[in-house]
Amino acid sequence: MAYFAKSPWVIHYDASSCNGCDIEVLAALCPGFDAERFGVVNTGNPKHADIFLVTGSVNERNISVVKEIYDQMLEPKVVVACGICACSGGIFHDCYNVIGGVDQAIPVDVYAPGCAVRPEAIIDAVVEAVGILEEKRAAMNEQRKGA
């Protein structure tokens, strides 16, 4: 098992959600669902994070913050859109200031839809993100060997 599979660090950002998905993210990290059994560690520093977990829709006020956090993360990195708002804009899709889902600002690797998304779906998405992270790491290593 590779390094990232043992301890993926996650940074969570609430991009203007109703806080329903945020509560579920916290529930996934608490002992009831215990995402830490997969080695998941929640961090507040994008430079330490491997997985960017975003809840809520992207709007005019937060698109620059989402892009800045993404740009500060080191390669390889994976983005998980949690909740229907992060996936497509959700119920706020037609609001005047809503641009849409997270994929309107940054590339998204894993979608975890739901309103509010269940902790089990969040854990499944993070586990899937770890697999994608491993693939990206292997591709980076191959690219380095070829160069």
C-alpha atoms as a PDB file:
ATOM      1  CA  MET A   1       0.000   0.000   0.000  1.00  0.00           C
ATOM      2  CA  ALA A   2       1.421   3.352  -1.018  1.00  0.00           C
ATOM      3  CA  TYR A   3       1.918   6.448   1.109  1.00  0.00           C
ATOM      4  CA  PHE A   4      -1.266   8.275   0.098  1.00  0.00           C
ATOM      5  CA  ALA A   5      -3.455   5.234   0.644  1.00  0.00           C
ATOM      6  CA  LYS A   6      -2.279   5.143   4.239  1.00  0.00           C
ATOM      7  CA  SER A   7      -2.960   8.750   5.159  1.00  0.00           C
ATOM      8  CA  PRO A   8      -4.842  11.030   2.759  1.00  0.00           C
ATOM      9  CA  TRP A   9      -5.153  14.541   4.134  1.00  0.00           C
ATOM     10  CA  VAL A  10      -8.395  16.339   3.345  1.00  0.00           C
ATOM     11  CA  ILE A  11      -9.122  20.048   3.302  1.00  0.00           C
ATOM     12  CA  HIS A  12     -12.807  20.958   3.478  1.00  0.00           C
ATOM     13  CA  TYR A  13     -14.260  24.204   2.145  1.00  0.00           C
ATOM     14  CA  ASP A  14     -17.877  25.337   2.430  1.00  0.00           C
ATOM     15  CA  ALA A  15     -18.655  27.240  -0.760  1.00  0.00           C
ATOM     16  CA  SER A  16     -21.940  28.810   0.421  1.00  0.00           C
ATOM     17  CA  SER A  17     -23.945  25.708   1.270  1.00  0.00           C
ATOM     18  CA  CYS A  18     -26.909  25.501   3.631  1.00  0.00           C
ATOM     19  CA  ASN A  19     -24.576  23.680   6.081  1.00  0.00           C
ATOM     20  CA  GLY A  20     -26.449  20.380   5.720  1.00  0.00           C
ATOM     21  CA  CYS A  21     -23.550  18.792   3.850  1.00  0.00           C
ATOM     22  CA  ASP A  22     -21.031  20.367   6.222  1.00  0.00           C
ATOM     23  CA  ILE A  23     -22.698  18.669   9.162  1.00  0.00           C
ATOM     24  CA  GLU A  24     -22.538  15.375   7.289  1.00  0.00           C
ATOM     25  CA  VAL A  25     -18.817  15.907   6.558  1.00  0.00           C
ATOM     26  CA  LEU A  26     -18.240  16.399  10.269  1.00  0.00           C
ATOM     27  CA  ALA A  27     -20.334  13.313  11.011  1.00  0.00           C
ATOM     28  CA  ALA A  28     -18.177  11.289   8.615  1.00  0.00           C
ATOM     29  CA  LEU A  29     -15.061  12.370  10.531  1.00  0.00           C
ATOM     30  CA  CYS A  30     -16.555  11.674  13.976  1.00  0.00           C
ATOM     31  CA  PRO A  31     -16.353   8.278  15.727  1.00  0.00           C
ATOM     32  CA  GLY A  32     -19.826   7.223  14.554  1.00  0.00           C
ATOM     33  CA  PHE A  33     -18.671   6.789  10.960  1.00  0.00           C
ATOM     34  CA  ASP A  34     -14.936   7.066  11.664  1.00  0.00           C
ATOM     35  CA  ALA A  35     -13.360   8.094   8.353  1.00  0.00           C
ATOM     36  CA  GLU A  36     -10.056   8.041  10.220  1.00  0.00           C
ATOM     37  CA  ARG A  37     -10.052   4.254   9.974  1.00  0.00           C
ATOM     38  CA  PHE A  38      -8.995   4.847   6.365  1.00  0.00           C
ATOM     39  CA  GLY A  39      -6.274   7.211   7.557  1.00  0.00           C
ATOM     40  CA  VAL A  40      -8.200  10.349   6.605  1.00  0.00           C
ATOM     41  CA  VAL A  41      -6.881  13.424   8.382  1.00  0.00           C
ATOM     42  CA  ASN A  42      -8.663  16.783   8.210  1.00  0.00           C
ATOM     43  CA  THR A  43      -6.270  19.708   7.753  1.00  0.00           C
ATOM     44  CA  GLY A  44      -6.726  23.436   7.419  1.00  0.00           C
ATOM     45  CA  ASN A  45      -3.657  24.010   5.267  1.00  0.00           C
ATOM     46  CA  PRO A  46      -4.008  23.467   1.496  1.00  0.00           C
ATOM     47  CA  LYS A  47      -0.270  22.821   1.203  1.00  0.00           C
ATOM     48  CA  HIS A  48      -0.668  19.726   3.382  1.00  0.00           C
ATOM     49  CA  ALA A  49      -3.857  18.445   1.730  1.00  0.00           C
ATOM     50  CA  ASP A  50      -4.159  15.709  -0.881  1.00  0.00           C
ATOM     51  CA  ILE A  51      -7.949  15.855  -1.304  1.00  0.00           C
ATOM     52  CA  PHE A  52     -10.039  19.017  -1.651  1.00  0.00           C
ATOM     53  CA  LEU A  53     -13.566  18.377  -0.348  1.00  0.00           C
ATOM     54  CA  VAL A  54     -16.004  21.116  -1.413  1.00  0.00           C
ATOM     55  CA  THR A  55     -19.609  21.578  -0.320  1.00  0.00           C
ATOM     56  CA  GLY A  56     -21.999  24.198  -1.699  1.00  0.00           C
ATOM     57  CA  SER A  57     -22.314  25.935  -5.022  1.00  0.00           C
ATOM     58  CA  VAL A  58     -19.771  28.279  -6.553  1.00  0.00           C
ATOM     59  CA  ASN A  59     -20.815  31.906  -6.766  1.00  0.00           C
ATOM     60  CA  GLU A  60     -19.272  35.245  -7.695  1.00  0.00           C
ATOM     61  CA  ARG A  61     -18.008  35.831  -4.154  1.00  0.00           C
ATOM     62  CA  ASN A  62     -16.229  32.527  -3.544  1.00  0.00           C
ATOM     63  CA  ILE A  63     -14.943  31.387  -6.934  1.00  0.00           C
ATOM     64  CA  SER A  64     -11.606  33.109  -6.354  1.00  0.00           C
ATOM     65  CA  VAL A  65     -11.245  31.412  -2.943  1.00  0.00           C
ATOM     66  CA  VAL A  66     -11.980  27.977  -4.425  1.00  0.00           C
ATOM     67  CA  LYS A  67      -9.403  28.552  -7.165  1.00  0.00           C
ATOM     68  CA  GLU A  68      -6.837  29.864  -4.679  1.00  0.00           C
ATOM     69  CA  ILE A  69      -7.160  26.853  -2.365  1.00  0.00           C
ATOM     70  CA  TYR A  70      -6.896  24.521  -5.371  1.00  0.00           C
ATOM     71  CA  ASP A  71      -3.816  26.321  -6.686  1.00  0.00           C
ATOM     72  CA  GLN A  72      -2.099  26.144  -3.286  1.00  0.00           C
ATOM     73  CA  MET A  73      -2.421  22.360  -3.122  1.00  0.00           C
ATOM     74  CA  LEU A  74       0.577  20.359  -4.265  1.00  0.00           C
ATOM     75  CA  GLU A  75       0.368  17.812  -7.087  1.00  0.00           C
ATOM     76  CA  PRO A  76      -1.071  15.230  -7.185  1.00  0.00           C
ATOM     77  CA  LYS A  77      -4.400  16.438  -5.857  1.00  0.00           C
ATOM     78  CA  VAL A  78      -7.996  15.287  -6.094  1.00  0.00           C
ATOM     79  CA  VAL A  79     -11.213  17.315  -5.830  1.00  0.00           C
ATOM     80  CA  VAL A  80     -14.411  15.841  -4.376  1.00  0.00           C
ATOM     81  CA  ALA A  81     -17.721  17.679  -4.877  1.00  0.00           C
ATOM     82  CA  CYS A  82     -19.970  16.794  -1.924  1.00  0.00           C
ATOM     83  CA  GLY A  83     -23.686  17.381  -2.206  1.00  0.00           C
ATOM     84  CA  ILE A  84     -25.893  18.278  -5.120  1.00  0.00           C
ATOM     85  CA  CYS A  85     -25.039  21.979  -4.767  1.00  0.00           C
ATOM     86  CA  ALA A  86     -21.344  21.264  -5.264  1.00  0.00           C
ATOM     87  CA  CYS A  87     -22.148  18.900  -8.136  1.00  0.00           C
ATOM     88  CA  SER A  88     -24.472  21.148 -10.124  1.00  0.00           C
ATOM     89  CA  GLY A  89     -25.570  24.201  -8.145  1.00  0.00           C
ATOM     90  CA  GLY A  90     -28.502  22.288  -6.654  1.00  0.00           C
ATOM     91  CA  ILE A  91     -31.530  24.252  -5.522  1.00  0.00           C
ATOM     92  CA  PHE A  92     -29.517  27.461  -5.852  1.00  0.00           C
ATOM     93  CA  HIS A  93     -28.753  26.838  -9.545  1.00  0.00           C
ATOM     94  CA  ASP A  94     -31.061  29.600 -10.796  1.00  0.00           C
ATOM     95  CA  CYS A  95     -29.970  32.249  -8.285  1.00  0.00           C
ATOM     96  CA  TYR A  96     -28.569  35.423  -9.793  1.00  0.00           C
ATOM     97  CA  ASN A  97     -25.084  35.051  -8.306  1.00  0.00           C
ATOM     98  CA  VAL A  98     -24.622  31.270  -8.571  1.00  0.00           C
ATOM     99  CA  ILE A  99     -22.251  30.131 -11.295  1.00  0.00           C
ATOM    100  CA  GLY A 100     -22.966  26.427 -10.749  1.00  0.00           C
ATOM    101  CA  GLY A 101     -21.155  23.444  -9.324  1.00  0.00           C
ATOM    102  CA  VAL A 102     -17.517  23.295  -8.322  1.00  0.00           C
ATOM    103  CA  ASP A 103     -16.580  22.022 -11.789  1.00  0.00           C
ATOM    104  CA  GLN A 104     -17.279  25.539 -13.099  1.00  0.00           C
ATOM    105  CA  ALA A 105     -14.204  26.746 -11.182  1.00  0.00           C
ATOM    106  CA  ILE A 106     -11.801  23.790 -10.901  1.00  0.00           C
ATOM    107  CA  PRO A 107     -11.590  20.232 -12.264  1.00  0.00           C
ATOM    108  CA  VAL A 108     -13.595  17.755 -10.169  1.00  0.00           C
ATOM    109  CA  ASP A 109     -12.513  14.104  -9.906  1.00  0.00           C
ATOM    110  CA  VAL A 110     -15.275  12.594  -7.743  1.00  0.00           C
ATOM    111  CA  TYR A 111     -18.937  13.564  -7.354  1.00  0.00           C
ATOM    112  CA  ALA A 112     -20.906  12.627  -4.213  1.00  0.00           C
ATOM    113  CA  PRO A 113     -24.491  13.811  -4.831  1.00  0.00           C
ATOM    114  CA  GLY A 114     -27.195  14.054  -2.223  1.00  0.00           C
ATOM    115  CA  CYS A 115     -29.155  16.670  -0.318  1.00  0.00           C
ATOM    116  CA  ALA A 116     -27.693  16.431   2.205  1.00  0.00           C
ATOM    117  CA  VAL A 117     -25.040  13.931   1.178  1.00  0.00           C
ATOM    118  CA  ARG A 118     -24.843  10.977   3.570  1.00  0.00           C
ATOM    119  CA  PRO A 119     -21.650  10.329   5.557  1.00  0.00           C
ATOM    120  CA  GLU A 120     -21.381   6.910   3.917  1.00  0.00           C
ATOM    121  CA  ALA A 121     -21.349   8.567   0.482  1.00  0.00           C
ATOM    122  CA  ILE A 122     -18.679  11.008   1.642  1.00  0.00           C
ATOM    123  CA  ILE A 123     -16.502   8.147   2.877  1.00  0.00           C
ATOM    124  CA  ASP A 124     -17.053   6.251  -0.394  1.00  0.00           C
ATOM    125  CA  ALA A 125     -16.081   9.375  -2.356  1.00  0.00           C
ATOM    126  CA  VAL A 126     -12.924   9.881  -0.291  1.00  0.00           C
ATOM    127  CA  VAL A 127     -11.938   6.227  -0.726  1.00  0.00           C
ATOM    128  CA  GLU A 128     -12.499   6.582  -4.484  1.00  0.00           C
ATOM    129  CA  ALA A 129     -10.444   9.793  -4.402  1.00  0.00           C
ATOM    130  CA  VAL A 130      -7.579   7.905  -2.752  1.00  0.00           C
ATOM    131  CA  GLY A 131      -7.568   5.486  -5.703  1.00  0.00           C
ATOM    132  CA  ILE A 132      -7.475   8.391  -8.157  1.00  0.00           C
ATOM    133  CA  LEU A 133      -4.709   9.981  -6.104  1.00  0.00           C
ATOM    134  CA  GLU A 134      -2.681   6.779  -6.413  1.00  0.00           C
ATOM    135  CA  GLU A 135      -3.201   6.755 -10.186  1.00  0.00           C
ATOM    136  CA  LYS A 136      -2.085  10.373 -10.461  1.00  0.00           C
ATOM    137  CA  ARG A 137       0.967   9.659  -8.300  1.00  0.00           C
ATOM    138  CA  ALA A 138       1.909   6.684 -10.498  1.00  0.00           C
ATOM    139  CA  ALA A 139       1.481   8.789 -13.653  1.00  0.00           C
ATOM    140  CA  MET A 140       3.706  11.504 -12.176  1.00  0.00           C
ATOM    141  CA  ASN A 141       6.380   8.940 -11.328  1.00  0.00           C
ATOM    142  CA  GLU A 142       6.244   7.495 -14.867  1.00  0.00           C
ATOM    143  CA  GLN A 143       6.502  10.967 -16.315  1.00  0.00           C
ATOM    144  CA  ARG A 144       9.578  11.692 -14.179  1.00  0.00           C
ATOM    145  CA  LYS A 145      11.243   8.449 -15.262  1.00  0.00           C
ATOM    146  CA  GLY A 146      10.597   9.226 -18.911  1.00  0.00           C
ATOM    147  CA  ALA A 147      11.988  12.735 -18.711  1.00  0.00           C
END
